[in-house]
Amino acid sequence: MSTIKETSSNFVNKQALADECPEVYAAQIIGGQWALVICSWLINGKLRFGELKSFLPNITERMLSLQLRKLEDSKIVKRTVYAEVPPRVEYELTAIGYDLKPVIEQLDKWGQKHKRLSL
């Protein structure tokens, strides 16, 4: 997976667009198939890594870890580690993450409608 260097004109253009347009800013946070579907599962409550992985059989463990870390850095997901043996780690949406619920529900409705119309 390639990364955009912070000195590239592409990065600067994307950053400027995100600074000017809240929709682009939001899409950069939850964009991509994995971030959105992870949030969709977490809307129902806390989940452990293995539970998330079982709901997303096509995602690699590495990609799931990267996506959870990205969502955590964006303050969408909270990671809680319990001092138990073996250690227990749970992921849940933060308050701002739960604010995505109506957005995800509307995307679901729109996706179902568009899918029907495009068949």
C-alpha atoms as a PDB file:
ATOM      1  CA  MET A   1       0.000   0.000   0.000  1.00  0.00           C
ATOM      2  CA  SER A   2       1.486   3.327  -1.005  1.00  0.00           C
ATOM      3  CA  THR A   3       1.322   6.346   1.216  1.00  0.00           C
ATOM      4  CA  ILE A   4       1.064   9.971   0.208  1.00  0.00           C
ATOM      5  CA  LYS A   5       4.050  11.957   1.341  1.00  0.00           C
ATOM      6  CA  GLU A   6       3.166  15.144   3.146  1.00  0.00           C
ATOM      7  CA  THR A   7       5.328  17.133   0.725  1.00  0.00           C
ATOM      8  CA  SER A   8       3.615  15.890  -2.440  1.00  0.00           C
ATOM      9  CA  SER A   9       1.291  18.206  -4.339  1.00  0.00           C
ATOM     10  CA  ASN A  10      -1.397  15.494  -4.194  1.00  0.00           C
ATOM     11  CA  PHE A  11      -1.260  15.504  -0.381  1.00  0.00           C
ATOM     12  CA  VAL A  12      -1.347  19.317  -0.272  1.00  0.00           C
ATOM     13  CA  ASN A  13      -4.338  19.386  -2.640  1.00  0.00           C
ATOM     14  CA  LYS A  14      -6.220  16.755  -0.635  1.00  0.00           C
ATOM     15  CA  GLN A  15      -5.492  18.616   2.596  1.00  0.00           C
ATOM     16  CA  ALA A  16      -6.660  21.936   1.158  1.00  0.00           C
ATOM     17  CA  LEU A  17      -9.867  20.364  -0.121  1.00  0.00           C
ATOM     18  CA  ALA A  18     -10.519  18.724   3.257  1.00  0.00           C
ATOM     19  CA  ASP A  19      -9.889  22.050   5.007  1.00  0.00           C
ATOM     20  CA  GLU A  20     -12.414  23.818   2.751  1.00  0.00           C
ATOM     21  CA  CYS A  21     -15.049  21.110   2.462  1.00  0.00           C
ATOM     22  CA  PRO A  22     -16.404  19.315   5.561  1.00  0.00           C
ATOM     23  CA  GLU A  23     -17.874  16.542   3.378  1.00  0.00           C
ATOM     24  CA  VAL A  24     -14.425  15.700   2.010  1.00  0.00           C
ATOM     25  CA  TYR A  25     -12.963  15.846   5.514  1.00  0.00           C
ATOM     26  CA  ALA A  26     -15.608  13.362   6.724  1.00  0.00           C
ATOM     27  CA  ALA A  27     -15.120  11.100   3.694  1.00  0.00           C
ATOM     28  CA  GLN A  28     -11.388  10.967   4.389  1.00  0.00           C
ATOM     29  CA  ILE A  29     -12.096   9.669   7.905  1.00  0.00           C
ATOM     30  CA  ILE A  30     -14.768   7.072   7.133  1.00  0.00           C
ATOM     31  CA  GLY A  31     -14.017   6.585   3.442  1.00  0.00           C
ATOM     32  CA  GLY A  32     -13.095   3.201   2.102  1.00  0.00           C
ATOM     33  CA  GLN A  33     -14.964  -0.015   2.571  1.00  0.00           C
ATOM     34  CA  TRP A  34     -13.453  -1.138   5.846  1.00  0.00           C
ATOM     35  CA  ALA A  35     -13.781   1.947   8.061  1.00  0.00           C
ATOM     36  CA  LEU A  36     -17.463   2.338   7.274  1.00  0.00           C
ATOM     37  CA  VAL A  37     -18.338  -1.321   7.809  1.00  0.00           C
ATOM     38  CA  ILE A  38     -16.338  -1.446  11.071  1.00  0.00           C
ATOM     39  CA  CYS A  39     -18.358   1.526  12.322  1.00  0.00           C
ATOM     40  CA  SER A  40     -21.554  -0.181  11.167  1.00  0.00           C
ATOM     41  CA  TRP A  41     -20.812  -3.213  13.339  1.00  0.00           C
ATOM     42  CA  LEU A  42     -19.718  -1.125  16.321  1.00  0.00           C
ATOM     43  CA  ILE A  43     -22.988   0.847  16.290  1.00  0.00           C
ATOM     44  CA  ASN A  44     -24.502  -2.227  17.948  1.00  0.00           C
ATOM     45  CA  GLY A  45     -22.058  -2.052  20.856  1.00  0.00           C
ATOM     46  CA  LYS A  46     -18.584  -3.089  21.992  1.00  0.00           C
ATOM     47  CA  LEU A  47     -16.780  -5.838  20.120  1.00  0.00           C
ATOM     48  CA  ARG A  48     -13.510  -7.653  20.550  1.00  0.00           C
ATOM     49  CA  PHE A  49     -10.996  -7.926  17.705  1.00  0.00           C
ATOM     50  CA  GLY A  50     -11.899 -11.563  17.012  1.00  0.00           C
ATOM     51  CA  GLU A  51     -15.597 -10.740  16.877  1.00  0.00           C
ATOM     52  CA  LEU A  52     -14.987  -7.952  14.384  1.00  0.00           C
ATOM     53  CA  LYS A  53     -12.790 -10.268  12.338  1.00  0.00           C
ATOM     54  CA  SER A  54     -15.551 -12.904  12.255  1.00  0.00           C
ATOM     55  CA  PHE A  55     -18.024 -10.307  10.937  1.00  0.00           C
ATOM     56  CA  LEU A  56     -15.499  -9.299   8.250  1.00  0.00           C
ATOM     57  CA  PRO A  57     -14.128 -12.606   6.931  1.00  0.00           C
ATOM     58  CA  ASN A  58     -12.462 -11.003   3.894  1.00  0.00           C
ATOM     59  CA  ILE A  59     -10.347  -8.527   5.851  1.00  0.00           C
ATOM     60  CA  THR A  60      -6.847  -9.506   6.911  1.00  0.00           C
ATOM     61  CA  GLU A  61      -5.883  -9.157  10.553  1.00  0.00           C
ATOM     62  CA  ARG A  62      -3.269  -6.574   9.558  1.00  0.00           C
ATOM     63  CA  MET A  63      -5.813  -4.461   7.654  1.00  0.00           C
ATOM     64  CA  LEU A  64      -8.300  -4.688  10.520  1.00  0.00           C
ATOM     65  CA  SER A  65      -5.602  -3.548  12.957  1.00  0.00           C
ATOM     66  CA  LEU A  66      -4.621  -0.658  10.677  1.00  0.00           C
ATOM     67  CA  GLN A  67      -8.233   0.444  10.209  1.00  0.00           C
ATOM     68  CA  LEU A  68      -8.992   0.265  13.932  1.00  0.00           C
ATOM     69  CA  ARG A  69      -5.854   2.294  14.673  1.00  0.00           C
ATOM     70  CA  LYS A  70      -6.863   4.895  12.066  1.00  0.00           C
ATOM     71  CA  LEU A  71     -10.369   5.146  13.531  1.00  0.00           C
ATOM     72  CA  GLU A  72      -8.888   5.405  17.018  1.00  0.00           C
ATOM     73  CA  ASP A  73      -6.525   8.189  15.905  1.00  0.00           C
ATOM     74  CA  SER A  74      -9.536   9.992  14.406  1.00  0.00           C
ATOM     75  CA  LYS A  75     -11.396   9.690  17.748  1.00  0.00           C
ATOM     76  CA  ILE A  76     -14.150   7.575  16.132  1.00  0.00           C
ATOM     77  CA  VAL A  77     -13.289   4.365  17.992  1.00  0.00           C
ATOM     78  CA  LYS A  78     -12.159   3.847  21.566  1.00  0.00           C
ATOM     79  CA  ARG A  79      -9.929   0.893  22.468  1.00  0.00           C
ATOM     80  CA  THR A  80     -10.112  -0.448  26.018  1.00  0.00           C
ATOM     81  CA  VAL A  81      -7.545  -2.927  27.343  1.00  0.00           C
ATOM     82  CA  TYR A  82      -8.517  -4.861  30.462  1.00  0.00           C
ATOM     83  CA  ALA A  83      -5.815  -6.062  32.860  1.00  0.00           C
ATOM     84  CA  GLU A  84      -6.749  -9.723  32.692  1.00  0.00           C
ATOM     85  CA  VAL A  85      -4.967 -12.906  31.745  1.00  0.00           C
ATOM     86  CA  PRO A  86      -5.267 -13.347  28.850  1.00  0.00           C
ATOM     87  CA  PRO A  87      -5.654  -9.636  28.068  1.00  0.00           C
ATOM     88  CA  ARG A  88      -9.070  -8.564  26.839  1.00  0.00           C
ATOM     89  CA  VAL A  89      -9.377  -5.683  24.373  1.00  0.00           C
ATOM     90  CA  GLU A  90     -12.693  -4.168  23.339  1.00  0.00           C
ATOM     91  CA  TYR A  91     -13.487  -1.620  20.665  1.00  0.00           C
ATOM     92  CA  GLU A  92     -16.435   0.730  20.765  1.00  0.00           C
ATOM     93  CA  LEU A  93     -17.566   3.908  19.096  1.00  0.00           C
ATOM     94  CA  THR A  94     -16.898   7.180  20.851  1.00  0.00           C
ATOM     95  CA  ALA A  95     -19.669   9.761  21.212  1.00  0.00           C
ATOM     96  CA  ILE A  96     -18.619  11.367  17.914  1.00  0.00           C
ATOM     97  CA  GLY A  97     -18.506   7.879  16.403  1.00  0.00           C
ATOM     98  CA  TYR A  98     -22.094   7.228  17.468  1.00  0.00           C
ATOM     99  CA  ASP A  99     -23.051  10.457  15.694  1.00  0.00           C
ATOM    100  CA  LEU A 100     -22.409   8.495  12.475  1.00  0.00           C
ATOM    101  CA  LYS A 101     -25.445   6.265  13.106  1.00  0.00           C
ATOM    102  CA  PRO A 102     -27.972   8.330  11.099  1.00  0.00           C
ATOM    103  CA  VAL A 103     -25.391   8.836   8.356  1.00  0.00           C
ATOM    104  CA  ILE A 104     -24.743   5.092   8.105  1.00  0.00           C
ATOM    105  CA  GLU A 105     -28.478   4.364   8.164  1.00  0.00           C
ATOM    106  CA  GLN A 106     -29.057   6.833   5.323  1.00  0.00           C
ATOM    107  CA  LEU A 107     -26.157   5.371   3.323  1.00  0.00           C
ATOM    108  CA  ASP A 108     -27.729   1.938   3.818  1.00  0.00           C
ATOM    109  CA  LYS A 109     -31.103   3.148   2.518  1.00  0.00           C
ATOM    110  CA  TRP A 110     -29.491   4.973  -0.399  1.00  0.00           C
ATOM    111  CA  GLY A 111     -27.353   1.938  -1.262  1.00  0.00           C
ATOM    112  CA  GLN A 112     -30.349  -0.404  -1.243  1.00  0.00           C
ATOM    113  CA  LYS A 113     -32.365   1.983  -3.435  1.00  0.00           C
ATOM    114  CA  HIS A 114     -29.518   2.569  -5.882  1.00  0.00           C
ATOM    115  CA  LYS A 115     -28.821  -1.165  -6.097  1.00  0.00           C
ATOM    116  CA  ARG A 116     -32.483  -1.878  -6.975  1.00  0.00           C
ATOM    117  CA  LEU A 117     -32.561   0.872  -9.602  1.00  0.00           C
ATOM    118  CA  SER A 118     -29.311  -0.190 -11.226  1.00  0.00           C
ATOM    119  CA  LEU A 119     -30.316  -3.854 -11.724  1.00  0.00           C
END
